[in-house]
Structure formats: C-alpha cells, structure tokens
Amino acid sequence: MRFIAERIKADALSLPRHEREEIARILARSVDAEPADGAWASEVAGRVDELRTGRGAMMPGEEFSAEFEEVLSAG
C-alpha cells in the first residue's frame, strides 16, 4: 500500500498546478467529511475561538498557497 501512495504522490506532483489544486480540493473535502477525533476537534474549536476573540489571525490565501507548495515540494 505504501508504494501505491508514493506513486500517487509522485504522479500528482507532476501535474499542472490547476490539476493539483483540483485534486487537493477533492481530497480536502473527503477528509472534512470524515468525523474528526476528539483531539483534532478540540484543536479546531480552540483555533476558531482564537479567531472569534481576536487572539488569532488569518493568513492570506496566496501566502498559505505559497507555504503549502513549499512544504509539498520539500516532502
């Protein structure tokens, strides 16, 4: 199974940006559809609370995309 996942990642990273973005959205939706475990649900609730109370800050989409691309290319 690990070999298949590695092959899928390699193939996906060779695709044009717009196709990688589409796949990322599909995968993100599939993960979001799964129930979160208690620790993750607690983390999300805490971050939402930080945003609502002004203790946290959002990151511009372009900045997030650039950092995300950097992480993907390093992995």
PDB file of N, CA and C in Angstrom:
ATOM      1  N   MET A   1       0.818  -1.193   0.000  1.00  0.00           N
ATOM      2  CA  MET A   1       0.000   0.000   0.000  1.00  0.00           C
ATOM      3  C   MET A   1       0.865   1.262   0.000  1.00  0.00           C
ATOM      4  N   ARG A   2       1.972   1.240   0.722  1.00  0.00           N
ATOM      5  CA  ARG A   2       2.848   2.418   0.789  1.00  0.00           C
ATOM      6  C   ARG A   2       3.384   2.779  -0.592  1.00  0.00           C
ATOM      7  N   PHE A   3       3.717   1.771  -1.385  1.00  0.00           N
ATOM      8  CA  PHE A   3       4.229   2.010  -2.735  1.00  0.00           C
ATOM      9  C   PHE A   3       3.176   2.737  -3.568  1.00  0.00           C
ATOM     10  N   ILE A   4       1.929   2.339  -3.441  1.00  0.00           N
ATOM     11  CA  ILE A   4       0.853   2.961  -4.207  1.00  0.00           C
ATOM     12  C   ILE A   4       0.720   4.430  -3.819  1.00  0.00           C
ATOM     13  N   ALA A   5       0.749   4.719  -2.524  1.00  0.00           N
ATOM     14  CA  ALA A   5       0.635   6.102  -2.064  1.00  0.00           C
ATOM     15  C   ALA A   5       1.796   6.944  -2.586  1.00  0.00           C
ATOM     16  N   GLU A   6       3.002   6.404  -2.550  1.00  0.00           N
ATOM     17  CA  GLU A   6       4.168   7.140  -3.053  1.00  0.00           C
ATOM     18  C   GLU A   6       4.036   7.409  -4.549  1.00  0.00           C
ATOM     19  N   ARG A   7       3.541   6.426  -5.283  1.00  0.00           N
ATOM     20  CA  ARG A   7       3.361   6.587  -6.730  1.00  0.00           C
ATOM     21  C   ARG A   7       2.309   7.654  -7.027  1.00  0.00           C
ATOM     22  N   ILE A   8       1.207   7.627  -6.272  1.00  0.00           N
ATOM     23  CA  ILE A   8       0.149   8.629  -6.460  1.00  0.00           C
ATOM     24  C   ILE A   8       0.694  10.024  -6.181  1.00  0.00           C
ATOM     25  N   LYS A   9       1.469  10.179  -5.100  1.00  0.00           N
ATOM     26  CA  LYS A   9       2.042  11.483  -4.784  1.00  0.00           C
ATOM     27  C   LYS A   9       2.963  11.960  -5.895  1.00  0.00           C
ATOM     28  N   ALA A  10       3.819  11.083  -6.367  1.00  0.00           N
ATOM     29  CA  ALA A  10       4.751  11.464  -7.430  1.00  0.00           C
ATOM     30  C   ALA A  10       3.997  11.863  -8.690  1.00  0.00           C
ATOM     31  N   ASP A  11       2.986  11.085  -9.052  1.00  0.00           N
ATOM     32  CA  ASP A  11       2.194  11.416 -10.243  1.00  0.00           C
ATOM     33  C   ASP A  11       1.461  12.738 -10.062  1.00  0.00           C
ATOM     34  N   ALA A  12       0.874  12.937  -8.883  1.00  0.00           N
ATOM     35  CA  ALA A  12       0.117  14.164  -8.627  1.00  0.00           C
ATOM     36  C   ALA A  12       1.022  15.383  -8.693  1.00  0.00           C
ATOM     37  N   LEU A  13       2.218  15.292  -8.144  1.00  0.00           N
ATOM     38  CA  LEU A  13       3.132  16.436  -8.138  1.00  0.00           C
ATOM     39  C   LEU A  13       3.644  16.777  -9.532  1.00  0.00           C
ATOM     40  N   SER A  14       3.527  15.863 -10.466  1.00  0.00           N
ATOM     41  CA  SER A  14       3.969  16.144 -11.830  1.00  0.00           C
ATOM     42  C   SER A  14       2.877  16.815 -12.666  1.00  0.00           C
ATOM     43  N   LEU A  15       1.680  16.933 -12.121  1.00  0.00           N
ATOM     44  CA  LEU A  15       0.567  17.546 -12.844  1.00  0.00           C
ATOM     45  C   LEU A  15       0.683  19.071 -12.842  1.00  0.00           C
ATOM     46  N   PRO A  16       0.017  19.710 -13.797  1.00  0.00           N
ATOM     47  CA  PRO A  16      -0.025  21.183 -13.786  1.00  0.00           C
ATOM     48  C   PRO A  16      -0.715  21.688 -12.519  1.00  0.00           C
ATOM     49  N   ARG A  17      -0.389  22.901 -12.144  1.00  0.00           N
ATOM     50  CA  ARG A  17      -0.906  23.486 -10.898  1.00  0.00           C
ATOM     51  C   ARG A  17      -2.420  23.386 -10.782  1.00  0.00           C
ATOM     52  N   HIS A  18      -3.168  23.744 -11.833  1.00  0.00           N
ATOM     53  CA  HIS A  18      -4.630  23.752 -11.726  1.00  0.00           C
ATOM     54  C   HIS A  18      -5.178  22.351 -11.453  1.00  0.00           C
ATOM     55  N   GLU A  19      -4.539  21.335 -11.980  1.00  0.00           N
ATOM     56  CA  GLU A  19      -4.990  19.965 -11.721  1.00  0.00           C
ATOM     57  C   GLU A  19      -4.636  19.537 -10.290  1.00  0.00           C
ATOM     58  N   ARG A  20      -3.448  19.961  -9.796  1.00  0.00           N
ATOM     59  CA  ARG A  20      -3.081  19.660  -8.401  1.00  0.00           C
ATOM     60  C   ARG A  20      -4.044  20.347  -7.444  1.00  0.00           C
ATOM     61  N   GLU A  21      -4.432  21.588  -7.763  1.00  0.00           N
ATOM     62  CA  GLU A  21      -5.377  22.305  -6.909  1.00  0.00           C
ATOM     63  C   GLU A  21      -6.719  21.590  -6.868  1.00  0.00           C
ATOM     64  N   GLU A  22      -7.173  21.109  -8.010  1.00  0.00           N
ATOM     65  CA  GLU A  22      -8.453  20.388  -8.063  1.00  0.00           C
ATOM     66  C   GLU A  22      -8.381  19.114  -7.211  1.00  0.00           C
ATOM     67  N   ILE A  23      -7.299  18.375  -7.345  1.00  0.00           N
ATOM     68  CA  ILE A  23      -7.134  17.155  -6.555  1.00  0.00           C
ATOM     69  C   ILE A  23      -7.052  17.486  -5.068  1.00  0.00           C
ATOM     70  N   ALA A  24      -6.334  18.546  -4.723  1.00  0.00           N
ATOM     71  CA  ALA A  24      -6.226  18.950  -3.314  1.00  0.00           C
ATOM     72  C   ALA A  24      -7.594  19.289  -2.740  1.00  0.00           C
ATOM     73  N   ARG A  25      -8.418  20.006  -3.515  1.00  0.00           N
ATOM     74  CA  ARG A  25      -9.767  20.337  -3.036  1.00  0.00           C
ATOM     75  C   ARG A  25     -10.594  19.073  -2.820  1.00  0.00           C
ATOM     76  N   ILE A  26     -10.521  18.141  -3.751  1.00  0.00           N
ATOM     77  CA  ILE A  26     -11.283  16.898  -3.633  1.00  0.00           C
ATOM     78  C   ILE A  26     -10.834  16.111  -2.404  1.00  0.00           C
ATOM     79  N   LEU A  27      -9.520  15.999  -2.220  1.00  0.00           N
ATOM     80  CA  LEU A  27      -9.011  15.266  -1.054  1.00  0.00           C
ATOM     81  C   LEU A  27      -9.374  15.962   0.250  1.00  0.00           C
ATOM     82  N   ALA A  28      -9.288  17.295   0.261  1.00  0.00           N
ATOM     83  CA  ALA A  28      -9.642  18.041   1.475  1.00  0.00           C
ATOM     84  C   ALA A  28     -11.106  17.821   1.827  1.00  0.00           C
ATOM     85  N   ARG A  29     -11.975  17.846   0.830  1.00  0.00           N
ATOM     86  CA  ARG A  29     -13.397  17.599   1.100  1.00  0.00           C
ATOM     87  C   ARG A  29     -13.617  16.192   1.630  1.00  0.00           C
ATOM     88  N   SER A  30     -12.860  15.223   1.117  1.00  0.00           N
ATOM     89  CA  SER A  30     -13.049  13.850   1.582  1.00  0.00           C
ATOM     90  C   SER A  30     -12.602  13.693   3.025  1.00  0.00           C
ATOM     91  N   VAL A  31     -11.557  14.416   3.418  1.00  0.00           N
ATOM     92  CA  VAL A  31     -11.082  14.369   4.795  1.00  0.00           C
ATOM     93  C   VAL A  31     -12.072  15.095   5.700  1.00  0.00           C
ATOM     94  N   ASP A  32     -12.573  16.253   5.233  1.00  0.00           N
ATOM     95  CA  ASP A  32     -13.534  17.011   6.021  1.00  0.00           C
ATOM     96  C   ASP A  32     -14.816  16.217   6.270  1.00  0.00           C
ATOM     97  N   ALA A  33     -15.139  15.308   5.357  1.00  0.00           N
ATOM     98  CA  ALA A  33     -16.365  14.526   5.501  1.00  0.00           C
ATOM     99  C   ALA A  33     -16.231  13.454   6.581  1.00  0.00           C
ATOM    100  N   GLU A  34     -14.998  13.103   6.934  1.00  0.00           N
ATOM    101  CA  GLU A  34     -14.773  12.089   7.964  1.00  0.00           C
ATOM    102  C   GLU A  34     -14.888  12.725   9.341  1.00  0.00           C
ATOM    103  N   PRO A  35     -15.450  11.988  10.294  1.00  0.00           N
ATOM    104  CA  PRO A  35     -15.538  12.555  11.650  1.00  0.00           C
ATOM    105  C   PRO A  35     -14.148  12.763  12.243  1.00  0.00           C
ATOM    106  N   ALA A  36     -13.951  13.902  12.878  1.00  0.00           N
ATOM    107  CA  ALA A  36     -12.669  14.211  13.498  1.00  0.00           C
ATOM    108  C   ALA A  36     -12.562  13.498  14.841  1.00  0.00           C
ATOM    109  N   ASP A  37     -11.340  13.099  15.192  1.00  0.00           N
ATOM    110  CA  ASP A  37     -11.170  12.509  16.518  1.00  0.00           C
ATOM    111  C   ASP A  37     -11.218  13.624  17.556  1.00  0.00           C
ATOM    112  N   GLY A  38     -11.332  13.273  18.795  1.00  0.00           N
ATOM    113  CA  GLY A  38     -11.502  14.247  19.871  1.00  0.00           C
ATOM    114  C   GLY A  38     -10.415  15.288  19.942  1.00  0.00           C
ATOM    115  N   ALA A  39      -9.158  14.883  19.800  1.00  0.00           N
ATOM    116  CA  ALA A  39      -8.046  15.826  19.902  1.00  0.00           C
ATOM    117  C   ALA A  39      -8.096  16.845  18.767  1.00  0.00           C
ATOM    118  N   TRP A  40      -8.370  16.377  17.556  1.00  0.00           N
ATOM    119  CA  TRP A  40      -8.414  17.295  16.418  1.00  0.00           C
ATOM    120  C   TRP A  40      -9.607  18.231  16.543  1.00  0.00           C
ATOM    121  N   ALA A  41     -10.758  17.716  16.935  1.00  0.00           N
ATOM    122  CA  ALA A  41     -11.942  18.554  17.106  1.00  0.00           C
ATOM    123  C   ALA A  41     -11.680  19.641  18.149  1.00  0.00           C
ATOM    124  N   SER A  42     -10.983  19.290  19.219  1.00  0.00           N
ATOM    125  CA  SER A  42     -10.648  20.251  20.261  1.00  0.00           C
ATOM    126  C   SER A  42      -9.696  21.330  19.728  1.00  0.00           C
ATOM    127  N   GLU A  43      -8.726  20.919  18.921  1.00  0.00           N
ATOM    128  CA  GLU A  43      -7.775  21.864  18.324  1.00  0.00           C
ATOM    129  C   GLU A  43      -8.500  22.854  17.414  1.00  0.00           C
ATOM    130  N   VAL A  44      -9.386  22.350  16.594  1.00  0.00           N
ATOM    131  CA  VAL A  44     -10.139  23.216  15.675  1.00  0.00           C
ATOM    132  C   VAL A  44     -11.006  24.190  16.467  1.00  0.00           C
ATOM    133  N   ALA A  45     -11.688  23.697  17.479  1.00  0.00           N
ATOM    134  CA  ALA A  45     -12.535  24.567  18.297  1.00  0.00           C
ATOM    135  C   ALA A  45     -11.712  25.672  18.956  1.00  0.00           C
ATOM    136  N   GLY A  46     -10.526  25.336  19.427  1.00  0.00           N
ATOM    137  CA  GLY A  46      -9.647  26.330  20.039  1.00  0.00           C
ATOM    138  C   GLY A  46      -9.199  27.386  19.046  1.00  0.00           C
ATOM    139  N   ARG A  47      -8.875  26.973  17.833  1.00  0.00           N
ATOM    140  CA  ARG A  47      -8.439  27.939  16.813  1.00  0.00           C
ATOM    141  C   ARG A  47      -9.586  28.849  16.383  1.00  0.00           C
ATOM    142  N   VAL A  48     -10.776  28.280  16.262  1.00  0.00           N
ATOM    143  CA  VAL A  48     -11.943  29.098  15.915  1.00  0.00           C
ATOM    144  C   VAL A  48     -12.188  30.131  17.018  1.00  0.00           C
ATOM    145  N   ASP A  49     -12.073  29.700  18.266  1.00  0.00           N
ATOM    146  CA  ASP A  49     -12.250  30.615  19.391  1.00  0.00           C
ATOM    147  C   ASP A  49     -11.206  31.738  19.345  1.00  0.00           C
ATOM    148  N   GLU A  50      -9.961  31.413  19.011  1.00  0.00           N
ATOM    149  CA  GLU A  50      -8.914  32.436  18.893  1.00  0.00           C
ATOM    150  C   GLU A  50      -9.266  33.470  17.828  1.00  0.00           C
ATOM    151  N   LEU A  51      -9.805  33.012  16.712  1.00  0.00           N
ATOM    152  CA  LEU A  51     -10.189  33.945  15.648  1.00  0.00           C
ATOM    153  C   LEU A  51     -11.350  34.830  16.083  1.00  0.00           C
ATOM    154  N   ARG A  52     -12.328  34.226  16.729  1.00  0.00           N
ATOM    155  CA  ARG A  52     -13.516  34.985  17.155  1.00  0.00           C
ATOM    156  C   ARG A  52     -13.189  36.032  18.212  1.00  0.00           C
ATOM    157  N   THR A  53     -12.228  35.730  19.063  1.00  0.00           N
ATOM    158  CA  THR A  53     -11.895  36.660  20.146  1.00  0.00           C
ATOM    159  C   THR A  53     -10.763  37.611  19.778  1.00  0.00           C
ATOM    160  N   GLY A  54     -10.225  37.488  18.575  1.00  0.00           N
ATOM    161  CA  GLY A  54      -9.167  38.382  18.132  1.00  0.00           C
ATOM    162  C   GLY A  54      -7.773  37.984  18.588  1.00  0.00           C
ATOM    163  N   ARG A  55      -7.633  36.832  19.232  1.00  0.00           N
ATOM    164  CA  ARG A  55      -6.305  36.382  19.671  1.00  0.00           C
ATOM    165  C   ARG A  55      -5.550  35.678  18.546  1.00  0.00           C
ATOM    166  N   GLY A  56      -6.229  35.321  17.483  1.00  0.00           N
ATOM    167  CA  GLY A  56      -5.598  34.640  16.359  1.00  0.00           C
ATOM    168  C   GLY A  56      -5.727  35.486  15.107  1.00  0.00           C
ATOM    169  N   ALA A  57      -5.014  35.108  14.076  1.00  0.00           N
ATOM    170  CA  ALA A  57      -5.062  35.855  12.823  1.00  0.00           C
ATOM    171  C   ALA A  57      -5.159  34.889  11.652  1.00  0.00           C
ATOM    172  N   MET A  58      -5.832  35.339  10.629  1.00  0.00           N
ATOM    173  CA  MET A  58      -5.946  34.546   9.409  1.00  0.00           C
ATOM    174  C   MET A  58      -4.741  34.846   8.523  1.00  0.00           C
ATOM    175  N   MET A  59      -4.434  33.920   7.634  1.00  0.00           N
ATOM    176  CA  MET A  59      -3.337  34.092   6.687  1.00  0.00           C
ATOM    177  C   MET A  59      -3.950  34.301   5.301  1.00  0.00           C
ATOM    178  N   PRO A  60      -3.462  35.285   4.538  1.00  0.00           N
ATOM    179  CA  PRO A  60      -3.977  35.466   3.177  1.00  0.00           C
ATOM    180  C   PRO A  60      -3.816  34.180   2.363  1.00  0.00           C
ATOM    181  N   GLY A  61      -4.794  33.901   1.507  1.00  0.00           N
ATOM    182  CA  GLY A  61      -4.788  32.675   0.713  1.00  0.00           C
ATOM    183  C   GLY A  61      -3.533  32.486  -0.111  1.00  0.00           C
ATOM    184  N   GLU A  62      -3.040  33.579  -0.696  1.00  0.00           N
ATOM    185  CA  GLU A  62      -1.841  33.479  -1.533  1.00  0.00           C
ATOM    186  C   GLU A  62      -0.630  33.063  -0.702  1.00  0.00           C
ATOM    187  N   GLU A  63      -0.545  33.606   0.511  1.00  0.00           N
ATOM    188  CA  GLU A  63       0.574  33.265   1.395  1.00  0.00           C
ATOM    189  C   GLU A  63       0.491  31.798   1.810  1.00  0.00           C
ATOM    190  N   PHE A  64      -0.728  31.346   2.150  1.00  0.00           N
ATOM    191  CA  PHE A  64      -0.906  29.950   2.520  1.00  0.00           C
ATOM    192  C   PHE A  64      -0.531  29.032   1.356  1.00  0.00           C
ATOM    193  N   SER A  65      -1.007  29.379   0.160  1.00  0.00           N
ATOM    194  CA  SER A  65      -0.713  28.549  -1.012  1.00  0.00           C
ATOM    195  C   SER A  65       0.787  28.444  -1.251  1.00  0.00           C
ATOM    196  N   ALA A  66       1.494  29.547  -1.098  1.00  0.00           N
ATOM    197  CA  ALA A  66       2.944  29.544  -1.305  1.00  0.00           C
ATOM    198  C   ALA A  66       3.632  28.656  -0.268  1.00  0.00           C
ATOM    199  N   GLU A  67       3.227  28.779   0.995  1.00  0.00           N
ATOM    200  CA  GLU A  67       3.829  27.944   2.039  1.00  0.00           C
ATOM    201  C   GLU A  67       3.470  26.474   1.832  1.00  0.00           C
ATOM    202  N   PHE A  68       2.236  26.214   1.426  1.00  0.00           N
ATOM    203  CA  PHE A  68       1.783  24.843   1.181  1.00  0.00           C
ATOM    204  C   PHE A  68       2.590  24.220   0.048  1.00  0.00           C
ATOM    205  N   GLU A  69       2.778  24.969  -1.026  1.00  0.00           N
ATOM    206  CA  GLU A  69       3.581  24.485  -2.154  1.00  0.00           C
ATOM    207  C   GLU A  69       5.008  24.181  -1.707  1.00  0.00           C
ATOM    208  N   GLU A  70       5.558  25.045  -0.857  1.00  0.00           N
ATOM    209  CA  GLU A  70       6.930  24.842  -0.344  1.00  0.00           C
ATOM    210  C   GLU A  70       7.017  23.548   0.456  1.00  0.00           C
ATOM    211  N   VAL A  71       6.036  23.303   1.300  1.00  0.00           N
ATOM    212  CA  VAL A  71       6.020  22.079   2.100  1.00  0.00           C
ATOM    213  C   VAL A  71       5.893  20.862   1.195  1.00  0.00           C
ATOM    214  N   LEU A  72       5.015  20.923   0.216  1.00  0.00           N
ATOM    215  CA  LEU A  72       4.836  19.791  -0.685  1.00  0.00           C
ATOM    216  C   LEU A  72       6.101  19.491  -1.478  1.00  0.00           C
ATOM    217  N   SER A  73       6.776  20.534  -1.939  1.00  0.00           N
ATOM    218  CA  SER A  73       7.973  20.314  -2.749  1.00  0.00           C
ATOM    219  C   SER A  73       9.138  19.797  -1.900  1.00  0.00           C
ATOM    220  N   ALA A  74       9.124  20.080  -0.602  1.00  0.00           N
ATOM    221  CA  ALA A  74      10.185  19.595   0.290  1.00  0.00           C
ATOM    222  C   ALA A  74       9.969  18.146   0.691  1.00  0.00           C
ATOM    223  N   GLY A  75       8.716  17.695   0.635  1.00  0.00           N
ATOM    224  CA  GLY A  75       8.386  16.358   1.129  1.00  0.00           C
ATOM    225  C   GLY A  75       8.624  15.308   0.143  1.00  0.00           C
TER     226      GLY A  75
END
